[in-house]
Amino acid sequence: MVIGAGPAGLTAAYQLTKQGIPVTVFEASQELGGISRTVERDGWRFDIGGHRFFTKVEAVNQLWHEILPPEDFLLRPRMSRIFYDGKYYDYPLKASNALKNMGLVEAALCVLSYAWAQIRPPKDQSNYEGWLVSRFGWRLYRKFFKTYTEKVWGVPVRDMPADWAAQRVKGLNLGKAIVNSLTPRRNQKDITSLIEEFEYPKYGPGMMWERCAELVIKGGGTVVMGAAVTGISLDKGLAHSVTVSYQDGRSETILASHIITTNPMRELVGMLDPQPSPDVVHAGADLSYRDFLTVALVVPASCGFPDNWIYIHSEDVAVGRIQNYGSWSPFMVKEGRTCLGLEFFVFEGDELWNTSDEDLIARGTRELEILGLVKPDDVERGFVVRVPKAYPYYDAQYAENVSRIVGYLDGAAPNLHPVGRNGMHKYNNQDHSMYTAMLTVENILGARHDIWKVNVEAEYHEESSTRGGTGRDAPILPTRAREER
């Protein structure tokens, strides 16, 4: 049995059916693909978050191409830039572009700011702000680090620890950045964020998971939509059944020999019957998430830009990133028009999250005007998509909480297998999530992989993660107040 029809859940189901093992997938919503789905509204398609299909895990790459035929993939140029003060800055940084945008005077001021930071470095470099300022100076820090980082994570940069910074921009300072910008490497693939091209399903990432669900069914599996697993019964050291609640009001209990779950770990703990000890219950309740919403605005194609997305480093607007869906695939948009996806990083239940769709569309239109990107009269219509629990929130207690929950499950229900981003409370990419599911299926068949220690990220970066385990690094953040949850 599999809980959740996102990349991890459907990958697990597909791998099981290939082994002739009957499997049922329960998905609470009516949409396949989780946060890797493609949302369709009136013929417009939106990629929630932007999903580049590039991986150095060959098993995942082979699976993508096993699910979709070659003609369903497009090879797309990778382009993303920083938008600051009305100008586009190349990413990675190119000296000529940065100098042209800033001008000689501002560039000189940035260098002087850096020099001053070398003479009088911040006294406290244990936090992200102090660490960055000591290596780039206050001026560049405010331009290219502070605003966007605070939009994404929702906390001041000075409250983030420097250990995350050291991992993200290890060994880099202004001097090295200038040298690197003068010696770019063509078609960089060693570091994921610097790849120049990637594959992309022509109708968006949801196309992959819709086809995968079809293959699961063709292989003898079952995919049930609108079916929320609300309880998991444990007995004699195993998980033996689940309670499924359907959208028509029915519910039933179903036996299972193995349960693969992609449910958020916080929700998983609340489903267990009998409930674990209070410390495990508290560990589950103590896990938090960063949420996400997209305001998609239809505009003339001439209002678009060649980037897949641009990062918005401006304090004048709340939007953090803007996608151009037409740059991902011409099949996502309609002739003569494109659709811009304005991405806002939020906490579920906060003011922006609770704003009406109409007001969010108006806000997105206004922010495009403030940025000088699109005139209000050019916005023809808009749509809003909210994505709860988009990012596991890493606070000082999260690792201990996850360890406590996993330790409990290992003893009380070793046939209950958390996989994927929310299932493992790991800041995983899509391919990371798939890989944890693939290894879990191998474990069910007799292998002994420890999916919590497999460091997929080491395949992606020049330096492996300092924390170990799958997933991208994310900062350790201040614990959120209880009343905010």
Protein backbone atom coordinates (compact mmCIF):
# COMPACT_ATOMS: atom_id res chain seq x y z
CA MET A 1 0.00 0.00 0.00
CA VAL A 2 1.20 3.51 -0.84
CA ILE A 3 -0.06 6.75 0.74
CA GLY A 4 0.25 9.69 -1.66
CA ALA A 5 0.43 9.92 -5.46
CA GLY A 6 3.39 12.27 -5.79
CA PRO A 7 6.78 11.40 -7.33
CA ALA A 8 7.88 9.20 -4.41
CA GLY A 9 4.57 7.39 -3.99
CA LEU A 10 4.00 6.69 -7.67
CA THR A 11 7.64 5.68 -8.18
CA ALA A 12 7.29 3.13 -5.38
CA ALA A 13 4.01 1.81 -6.80
CA TYR A 14 5.46 1.52 -10.29
CA GLN A 15 8.54 -0.33 -9.07
CA LEU A 16 6.35 -2.75 -7.12
CA THR A 17 4.08 -3.52 -10.08
CA LYS A 18 7.14 -4.28 -12.21
CA GLN A 19 7.95 -6.98 -9.67
CA GLY A 20 4.43 -8.39 -9.93
CA ILE A 21 3.50 -7.18 -6.43
CA PRO A 22 -0.09 -5.91 -6.10
CA VAL A 23 -0.24 -2.35 -4.77
CA THR A 24 -2.91 0.25 -4.05
CA VAL A 25 -2.15 3.98 -4.01
CA PHE A 26 -4.41 6.25 -1.97
CA GLU A 27 -4.36 9.96 -2.84
CA ALA A 28 -6.38 12.41 -0.76
CA SER A 29 -6.75 15.00 -3.54
CA GLN A 30 -7.98 14.69 -7.09
CA GLU A 31 -4.57 15.57 -8.56
CA LEU A 32 -1.54 13.42 -9.33
CA GLY A 33 2.04 14.52 -8.79
CA GLY A 34 2.06 16.22 -5.38
CA ILE A 35 4.11 19.42 -5.54
CA SER A 36 5.50 18.15 -8.87
CA ARG A 37 2.08 18.24 -10.46
CA THR A 38 1.06 20.43 -13.38
CA VAL A 39 -2.02 22.48 -12.56
CA GLU A 40 -4.33 23.10 -15.51
CA ARG A 41 -6.88 25.92 -15.58
CA ASP A 42 -8.86 26.70 -18.73
CA GLY A 43 -6.13 25.25 -20.94
CA TRP A 44 -3.25 27.02 -19.15
CA ARG A 45 -0.65 24.83 -17.44
CA PHE A 46 1.36 25.82 -14.38
CA ASP A 47 4.46 24.12 -13.02
CA ILE A 48 4.36 24.55 -9.25
CA GLY A 49 7.87 25.57 -8.26
CA GLY A 50 9.65 24.81 -11.53
CA HIS A 51 11.05 21.31 -12.10
CA ARG A 52 14.17 20.86 -14.20
CA PHE A 53 14.59 17.24 -15.21
CA PHE A 54 18.30 16.84 -14.63
CA THR A 55 19.92 14.26 -12.37
CA LYS A 56 23.23 12.53 -11.84
CA VAL A 57 21.46 9.51 -10.36
CA GLU A 58 21.40 7.29 -13.41
CA ALA A 59 18.71 4.96 -12.04
CA VAL A 60 16.35 7.94 -11.78
CA ASN A 61 17.26 9.18 -15.24
CA GLN A 62 16.53 5.77 -16.70
CA LEU A 63 13.19 5.63 -14.92
CA TRP A 64 12.12 9.02 -16.30
CA HIS A 65 12.78 7.77 -19.81
CA GLU A 66 11.11 4.46 -19.11
CA ILE A 67 7.93 6.27 -18.12
CA LEU A 68 7.85 8.83 -20.96
CA PRO A 69 8.98 8.24 -24.58
CA PRO A 70 11.66 10.51 -26.13
CA GLU A 71 9.13 12.53 -28.10
CA ASP A 72 7.49 13.73 -24.88
CA PHE A 73 10.69 15.42 -23.67
CA LEU A 74 11.95 18.82 -24.73
CA LEU A 75 15.58 19.85 -24.32
CA ARG A 76 15.35 23.31 -22.80
CA PRO A 77 18.00 25.99 -22.28
CA ARG A 78 18.51 26.81 -18.63
CA MET A 79 18.31 30.50 -17.86
CA SER A 80 17.61 32.27 -14.62
CA ARG A 81 18.68 35.75 -13.57
CA ILE A 82 18.48 38.11 -10.62
CA PHE A 83 16.22 41.13 -11.02
CA TYR A 84 17.39 44.04 -8.91
CA ASP A 85 16.79 47.77 -9.19
CA GLY A 86 15.19 47.40 -12.61
CA LYS A 87 18.08 45.43 -14.11
CA TYR A 88 18.82 41.78 -14.86
CA TYR A 89 21.98 40.27 -13.41
CA ASP A 90 23.31 37.07 -14.90
CA TYR A 91 23.43 34.04 -12.64
CA PRO A 92 26.14 32.83 -12.20
CA LEU A 93 27.70 36.27 -11.97
CA LYS A 94 29.49 37.62 -15.04
CA ALA A 95 31.77 40.56 -14.42
CA SER A 96 30.90 42.42 -17.64
CA ASN A 97 27.16 42.14 -17.01
CA ALA A 98 27.42 43.16 -13.35
CA LEU A 99 29.68 46.11 -14.18
CA LYS A 100 27.37 47.31 -16.93
CA ASN A 101 24.31 47.13 -14.65
CA MET A 102 25.89 48.72 -11.60
CA GLY A 103 28.05 51.28 -13.36
CA LEU A 104 31.60 52.18 -12.44
CA VAL A 105 30.64 54.27 -9.42
CA GLU A 106 28.44 51.65 -7.78
CA ALA A 107 30.92 48.89 -8.61
CA ALA A 108 33.66 50.92 -6.96
CA LEU A 109 31.48 51.47 -3.89
CA CYS A 110 30.86 47.71 -3.66
CA VAL A 111 34.60 47.04 -3.79
CA LEU A 112 35.21 49.70 -1.13
CA SER A 113 32.47 48.17 1.02
CA TYR A 114 34.18 44.80 0.68
CA ALA A 115 37.54 46.33 1.57
CA TRP A 116 36.05 47.97 4.66
CA ALA A 117 34.57 44.62 5.73
CA GLN A 118 38.09 43.17 5.58
CA ILE A 119 39.39 45.98 7.78
CA ARG A 120 36.41 46.02 10.16
CA PRO A 121 34.68 42.64 9.80
CA PRO A 122 31.42 42.02 11.69
CA LYS A 123 32.12 40.99 15.27
CA ASP A 124 29.57 38.18 15.13
CA GLN A 125 30.16 35.84 12.18
CA SER A 126 28.27 32.93 13.68
CA ASN A 127 25.13 34.02 11.83
CA TYR A 128 24.50 34.08 8.08
CA GLU A 129 24.49 37.89 7.87
CA GLY A 130 27.83 38.39 9.57
CA TRP A 131 29.41 35.55 7.62
CA LEU A 132 28.29 36.97 4.26
CA VAL A 133 29.19 40.56 5.05
CA SER A 134 32.72 39.50 6.01
CA ARG A 135 33.16 37.95 2.56
CA PHE A 136 31.23 40.35 0.31
CA GLY A 137 30.78 43.61 2.21
CA TRP A 138 27.54 45.23 3.31
CA ARG A 139 26.67 46.68 -0.07
CA LEU A 140 26.71 43.44 -2.07
CA TYR A 141 25.14 41.55 0.83
CA ARG A 142 22.11 43.85 0.74
CA LYS A 143 21.87 43.65 -3.05
CA PHE A 144 22.19 39.93 -3.65
CA PHE A 145 21.65 37.98 -0.43
CA LYS A 146 19.45 39.59 2.20
CA THR A 147 16.08 40.28 0.58
CA TYR A 148 15.55 37.07 -1.38
CA THR A 149 16.76 34.81 1.44
CA GLU A 150 14.35 36.43 3.89
CA LYS A 151 11.47 36.07 1.42
CA VAL A 152 12.12 32.35 1.02
CA TRP A 153 12.50 31.44 4.68
CA GLY A 154 10.43 34.11 6.42
CA VAL A 155 13.01 35.01 9.09
CA PRO A 156 15.78 37.63 9.30
CA VAL A 157 19.10 36.59 7.79
CA ARG A 158 20.87 37.52 11.02
CA ASP A 159 18.90 34.74 12.76
CA MET A 160 20.22 32.05 10.40
CA PRO A 161 23.42 30.24 11.40
CA ALA A 162 26.62 30.57 9.41
CA ASP A 163 27.09 26.81 9.01
CA TRP A 164 24.47 26.79 6.27
CA ALA A 165 26.18 29.72 4.54
CA ALA A 166 29.50 27.93 4.68
CA GLN A 167 27.95 24.96 2.88
CA ARG A 168 26.06 27.00 0.27
CA VAL A 169 28.93 29.31 -0.76
CA LYS A 170 31.87 27.41 0.70
CA GLY A 171 35.22 29.10 0.19
CA LEU A 172 33.69 31.90 -1.89
CA ASN A 173 34.33 35.61 -1.42
CA LEU A 174 34.20 38.68 -3.63
CA GLY A 175 37.69 38.08 -5.01
CA LYS A 176 36.91 34.51 -6.02
CA ALA A 177 33.52 35.55 -7.41
CA ILE A 178 35.22 38.05 -9.73
CA VAL A 179 37.74 35.44 -10.88
CA ASN A 180 35.00 32.87 -11.46
CA SER A 181 32.91 35.38 -13.41
CA LEU A 182 35.82 36.07 -15.75
CA THR A 183 36.43 32.37 -16.47
CA PRO A 184 33.01 30.81 -17.09
CA ARG A 185 32.84 27.14 -18.02
CA ARG A 186 30.76 26.16 -21.00
CA ASN A 187 27.79 23.82 -20.46
CA GLN A 188 28.52 23.45 -16.73
CA LYS A 189 27.02 20.24 -15.35
CA ASP A 190 29.21 19.56 -12.34
CA ILE A 191 27.01 21.69 -10.10
CA THR A 192 23.25 21.35 -10.49
CA SER A 193 22.49 25.07 -10.14
CA LEU A 194 24.87 25.85 -13.04
CA ILE A 195 23.63 23.44 -15.71
CA GLU A 196 22.91 25.11 -19.05
CA GLU A 197 20.26 22.77 -20.38
CA PHE A 198 17.81 20.19 -19.06
CA GLU A 199 14.98 17.96 -20.21
CA TYR A 200 11.36 18.84 -19.59
CA PRO A 201 8.07 17.03 -20.35
CA LYS A 202 6.34 19.11 -22.99
CA TYR A 203 3.10 19.41 -21.00
CA GLY A 204 4.86 19.96 -17.68
CA PRO A 205 6.05 17.64 -14.90
CA GLY A 206 2.54 16.40 -14.16
CA MET A 207 2.66 14.60 -17.50
CA MET A 208 5.29 12.29 -16.00
CA TRP A 209 3.13 11.34 -13.04
CA GLU A 210 -0.10 10.99 -14.99
CA ARG A 211 1.66 8.51 -17.26
CA CYS A 212 3.25 6.76 -14.28
CA ALA A 213 -0.19 6.26 -12.71
CA GLU A 214 -1.39 4.75 -15.98
CA LEU A 215 1.53 2.32 -15.93
CA VAL A 216 0.78 1.36 -12.33
CA ILE A 217 -2.79 0.51 -13.29
CA LYS A 218 -1.65 -1.32 -16.44
CA GLY A 219 0.73 -3.35 -14.27
CA GLY A 220 -2.11 -4.53 -12.05
CA GLY A 221 -2.01 -1.80 -9.38
CA THR A 222 -4.81 0.47 -8.25
CA VAL A 223 -4.77 4.25 -7.85
CA VAL A 224 -7.63 5.66 -5.78
CA MET A 225 -8.19 9.41 -5.86
CA GLY A 226 -10.10 11.40 -3.26
CA ALA A 227 -9.13 8.84 -0.63
CA ALA A 228 -7.41 10.13 2.49
CA VAL A 229 -5.68 7.72 4.85
CA THR A 230 -6.74 8.99 8.28
CA GLY A 231 -5.51 6.21 10.53
CA ILE A 232 -2.82 3.53 10.69
CA SER A 233 -3.28 0.67 13.16
CA LEU A 234 -0.25 -0.89 14.82
CA ASP A 235 -0.22 -4.26 16.53
CA LYS A 236 2.45 -6.76 17.62
CA GLY A 237 5.32 -4.73 16.20
CA LEU A 238 3.81 -4.08 12.76
CA ALA A 239 1.48 -1.73 10.93
CA HIS A 240 -1.35 -4.01 9.86
CA SER A 241 -4.17 -1.82 8.48
CA VAL A 242 -5.22 1.69 7.50
CA THR A 243 -8.45 3.63 7.75
CA VAL A 244 -9.37 5.31 4.46
CA SER A 245 -11.89 8.15 4.30
CA TYR A 246 -13.43 8.95 0.92
CA GLN A 247 -14.77 12.28 -0.28
CA ASP A 248 -18.29 10.86 -0.49
CA GLY A 249 -18.28 10.32 3.27
CA ARG A 250 -17.54 6.57 3.29
CA SER A 251 -14.68 5.07 5.27
CA GLU A 252 -13.22 1.59 5.51
CA THR A 253 -10.38 -0.37 7.08
CA ILE A 254 -7.93 -2.08 4.73
CA LEU A 255 -5.24 -4.60 5.63
CA ALA A 256 -1.68 -4.10 4.39
CA SER A 257 1.56 -6.07 4.56
CA HIS A 258 3.73 -2.98 3.90
CA ILE A 259 2.79 0.71 3.95
CA ILE A 260 4.88 3.27 2.05
CA THR A 261 3.91 6.75 3.18
CA THR A 262 4.66 10.15 1.68
CA ASN A 263 2.35 11.94 4.11
CA PRO A 264 3.93 14.82 6.03
CA MET A 265 5.66 13.27 9.04
CA ARG A 266 3.74 15.52 11.41
CA GLU A 267 0.45 14.12 10.07
CA LEU A 268 1.77 10.57 10.07
CA VAL A 269 2.41 10.60 13.82
CA GLY A 270 -1.14 11.83 14.43
CA MET A 271 -2.55 8.89 12.43
CA LEU A 272 -0.96 6.14 14.49
CA ASP A 273 -3.21 3.96 16.61
CA PRO A 274 -2.40 3.38 19.39
CA GLN A 275 -0.70 6.74 19.80
CA PRO A 276 3.02 6.63 20.58
CA SER A 277 4.50 7.88 23.83
CA PRO A 278 4.12 11.61 24.57
CA ASP A 279 7.69 12.42 23.52
CA VAL A 280 7.08 10.97 20.04
CA VAL A 281 3.71 12.73 19.75
CA HIS A 282 5.41 15.99 20.74
CA ALA A 283 8.19 15.39 18.18
CA GLY A 284 5.59 15.08 15.43
CA ALA A 285 3.64 18.15 16.53
CA ASP A 286 6.88 20.13 16.75
CA LEU A 287 7.67 19.76 13.03
CA SER A 288 6.92 22.82 10.89
CA TYR A 289 6.69 23.71 7.21
CA ARG A 290 7.14 26.65 4.87
CA ASP A 291 4.27 27.04 2.42
CA PHE A 292 3.93 28.49 -1.04
CA LEU A 293 1.44 30.09 -3.40
CA THR A 294 1.55 31.00 -7.07
CA VAL A 295 -0.34 33.82 -8.76
CA ALA A 296 -0.40 32.99 -12.49
CA LEU A 297 -1.12 35.96 -14.78
CA VAL A 298 -1.89 35.69 -18.51
CA VAL A 299 -0.11 38.36 -20.57
CA PRO A 300 0.91 38.90 -24.22
CA ALA A 301 3.93 36.85 -25.24
CA SER A 302 5.86 40.10 -25.73
CA CYS A 303 5.63 40.68 -21.95
CA GLY A 304 7.54 37.51 -21.23
CA PHE A 305 11.26 36.96 -20.77
CA PRO A 306 13.63 34.19 -21.89
CA ASP A 307 14.35 32.97 -18.34
CA ASN A 308 12.69 29.91 -16.82
CA TRP A 309 12.43 32.13 -13.75
CA ILE A 310 13.89 35.30 -12.34
CA TYR A 311 14.77 35.94 -8.69
CA ILE A 312 13.27 39.16 -7.34
CA HIS A 313 15.77 40.93 -5.05
CA SER A 314 13.56 43.90 -4.25
CA GLU A 315 12.09 44.98 -0.92
CA ASP A 316 9.36 46.90 -2.77
CA VAL A 317 7.40 43.73 -3.53
CA ALA A 318 6.59 40.48 -1.73
CA VAL A 319 7.00 38.19 -4.77
CA GLY A 320 10.19 36.14 -4.51
CA ARG A 321 10.45 34.55 -7.93
CA ILE A 322 8.64 34.80 -11.26
CA GLN A 323 8.36 31.95 -13.75
CA ASN A 324 7.62 32.33 -17.43
CA TYR A 325 5.78 29.13 -18.29
CA GLY A 326 6.27 29.76 -22.00
CA SER A 327 10.04 29.51 -21.49
CA TRP A 328 9.62 26.07 -19.96
CA SER A 329 7.52 24.77 -22.84
CA PRO A 330 5.45 26.36 -25.61
CA PHE A 331 2.87 23.64 -24.94
CA MET A 332 2.16 25.17 -21.50
CA VAL A 333 0.74 28.40 -22.98
CA LYS A 334 -1.42 29.59 -25.85
CA GLU A 335 -0.40 31.19 -29.13
CA GLY A 336 0.49 34.84 -28.82
CA ARG A 337 0.37 34.78 -25.04
CA THR A 338 2.35 33.52 -22.13
CA CYS A 339 1.68 33.10 -18.44
CA LEU A 340 3.85 34.48 -15.65
CA GLY A 341 3.81 32.63 -12.33
CA LEU A 342 4.51 34.92 -9.37
CA GLU A 343 5.75 32.82 -6.44
CA PHE A 344 5.17 33.92 -2.85
CA PHE A 345 6.77 32.08 0.07
CA VAL A 346 4.37 32.08 3.02
CA PHE A 347 3.24 30.29 6.15
CA GLU A 348 -0.13 28.60 5.89
CA GLY A 349 -2.67 30.75 7.68
CA ASP A 350 -0.73 34.02 7.48
CA GLU A 351 -2.17 37.19 5.96
CA LEU A 352 -1.02 36.51 2.41
CA TRP A 353 -2.14 32.87 2.51
CA ASN A 354 -5.63 33.94 3.61
CA THR A 355 -5.95 36.73 1.04
CA SER A 356 -8.73 36.10 -1.52
CA ASP A 357 -7.82 34.97 -5.03
CA GLU A 358 -9.16 38.22 -6.46
CA ASP A 359 -6.98 40.32 -4.18
CA LEU A 360 -3.93 38.14 -4.85
CA ILE A 361 -4.40 38.56 -8.61
CA ALA A 362 -4.70 42.32 -8.11
CA ARG A 363 -1.59 42.29 -5.94
CA GLY A 364 0.39 40.28 -8.48
CA THR A 365 -0.64 42.70 -11.22
CA ARG A 366 0.40 45.66 -9.07
CA GLU A 367 3.77 44.12 -8.21
CA LEU A 368 4.56 43.45 -11.87
CA GLU A 369 3.91 47.15 -12.49
CA ILE A 370 6.11 48.21 -9.56
CA LEU A 371 8.91 46.08 -10.97
CA GLY A 372 8.41 47.66 -14.39
CA LEU A 373 7.89 44.26 -16.02
CA VAL A 374 4.25 44.38 -17.15
CA LYS A 375 1.65 47.15 -17.41
CA PRO A 376 -1.65 46.43 -15.61
CA ASP A 377 -3.65 46.70 -18.85
CA ASP A 378 -1.59 43.83 -20.31
CA VAL A 379 -2.80 41.36 -17.64
CA GLU A 380 -5.76 39.51 -19.17
CA ARG A 381 -6.67 37.12 -16.36
CA GLY A 382 -5.23 35.34 -13.36
CA PHE A 383 -5.29 32.16 -11.31
CA VAL A 384 -4.10 31.27 -7.81
CA VAL A 385 -2.63 27.97 -6.61
CA ARG A 386 -1.85 27.37 -2.92
CA VAL A 387 0.63 24.65 -1.92
CA PRO A 388 0.72 23.76 1.79
CA LYS A 389 3.81 22.10 3.28
CA ALA A 390 5.99 22.85 0.26
CA TYR A 391 9.23 22.96 2.27
CA PRO A 392 10.12 21.12 5.47
CA TYR A 393 11.13 23.75 8.03
CA TYR A 394 14.47 23.10 9.67
CA ASP A 395 14.64 24.51 13.18
CA ALA A 396 17.08 23.64 15.95
CA GLN A 397 14.91 20.70 17.07
CA TYR A 398 13.88 19.20 13.73
CA ALA A 399 16.72 16.64 13.43
CA GLU A 400 16.14 15.34 16.95
CA ASN A 401 12.39 15.21 16.32
CA VAL A 402 12.79 13.28 13.08
CA SER A 403 15.28 10.89 14.70
CA ARG A 404 12.88 10.23 17.58
CA ILE A 405 10.00 9.46 15.22
CA VAL A 406 12.09 7.23 12.95
CA GLY A 407 13.48 5.37 15.95
CA TYR A 408 9.97 4.73 17.19
CA LEU A 409 8.79 3.47 13.79
CA ASP A 410 11.78 1.16 13.47
CA GLY A 411 10.66 -0.64 16.61
CA ALA A 412 6.88 -0.33 16.48
CA ALA A 413 6.26 -0.70 12.74
CA PRO A 414 9.27 -1.62 10.57
CA ASN A 415 6.87 -2.30 7.68
CA LEU A 416 5.81 1.38 7.69
CA HIS A 417 8.18 3.20 5.32
CA PRO A 418 8.37 7.03 5.12
CA VAL A 419 9.76 8.24 1.76
CA GLY A 420 10.01 11.49 -0.18
CA ARG A 421 10.26 15.12 0.85
CA ASN A 422 7.46 15.39 3.41
CA GLY A 423 7.47 11.72 4.31
CA MET A 424 11.07 12.03 5.53
CA HIS A 425 10.93 15.75 6.44
CA LYS A 426 13.89 16.25 4.10
CA TYR A 427 14.37 19.16 1.71
CA ASN A 428 14.51 16.76 -1.24
CA ASN A 429 14.47 17.43 -4.96
CA GLN A 430 12.08 15.41 -7.11
CA ASP A 431 14.80 12.93 -8.06
CA HIS A 432 15.88 12.56 -4.42
CA SER A 433 12.30 11.69 -3.52
CA MET A 434 12.12 9.13 -6.29
CA TYR A 435 15.40 7.56 -5.27
CA THR A 436 14.33 7.07 -1.65
CA ALA A 437 11.21 5.30 -2.97
CA MET A 438 13.23 3.09 -5.30
CA LEU A 439 15.57 2.02 -2.51
CA THR A 440 12.64 1.38 -0.17
CA VAL A 441 11.06 -0.99 -2.68
CA GLU A 442 14.40 -2.82 -2.89
CA ASN A 443 14.36 -3.07 0.90
CA ILE A 444 10.88 -4.61 0.84
CA LEU A 445 12.28 -7.16 -1.61
CA GLY A 446 15.15 -8.03 0.73
CA ALA A 447 17.85 -5.35 0.39
CA ARG A 448 19.23 -3.48 3.40
CA HIS A 449 19.63 0.14 2.25
CA ASP A 450 19.60 2.82 4.92
CA ILE A 451 17.76 5.52 2.99
CA TRP A 452 18.42 8.04 5.78
CA LYS A 453 22.16 7.88 5.16
CA VAL A 454 22.27 7.71 1.37
CA ASN A 455 23.73 11.09 0.44
CA VAL A 456 22.29 11.77 -2.98
CA GLU A 457 23.37 15.40 -2.71
CA ALA A 458 27.01 14.39 -2.85
CA GLU A 459 26.36 13.56 -6.50
CA TYR A 460 25.26 17.15 -7.12
CA HIS A 461 27.85 19.40 -5.58
CA GLU A 462 31.59 19.72 -5.38
CA GLU A 463 31.30 19.33 -1.63
CA SER A 464 29.05 16.78 0.03
CA SER A 465 26.50 17.90 2.58
CA THR A 466 27.92 18.50 6.04
CA ARG A 467 24.79 17.04 7.58
CA GLY A 468 24.63 13.71 5.79
CA GLY A 469 21.52 12.09 4.46
CA THR A 470 19.47 12.88 1.39
CA GLY A 471 18.23 16.27 0.43
CA ARG A 472 19.52 19.78 -0.14
CA ASP A 473 20.91 21.75 2.73
CA ALA A 474 18.58 24.32 4.25
CA PRO A 475 19.27 26.74 7.08
CA ILE A 476 18.52 25.93 10.69
CA LEU A 477 15.84 28.50 11.49
CA PRO A 478 14.41 29.97 14.68
CA THR A 479 11.73 27.77 16.22
CA ARG A 480 8.31 29.12 15.32
CA ALA A 481 6.03 30.17 18.16
CA ARG A 482 3.44 27.54 19.02
CA GLU A 483 0.50 29.84 18.35
CA GLU A 484 1.68 30.34 14.77
CA ARG A 485 1.24 26.69 13.86
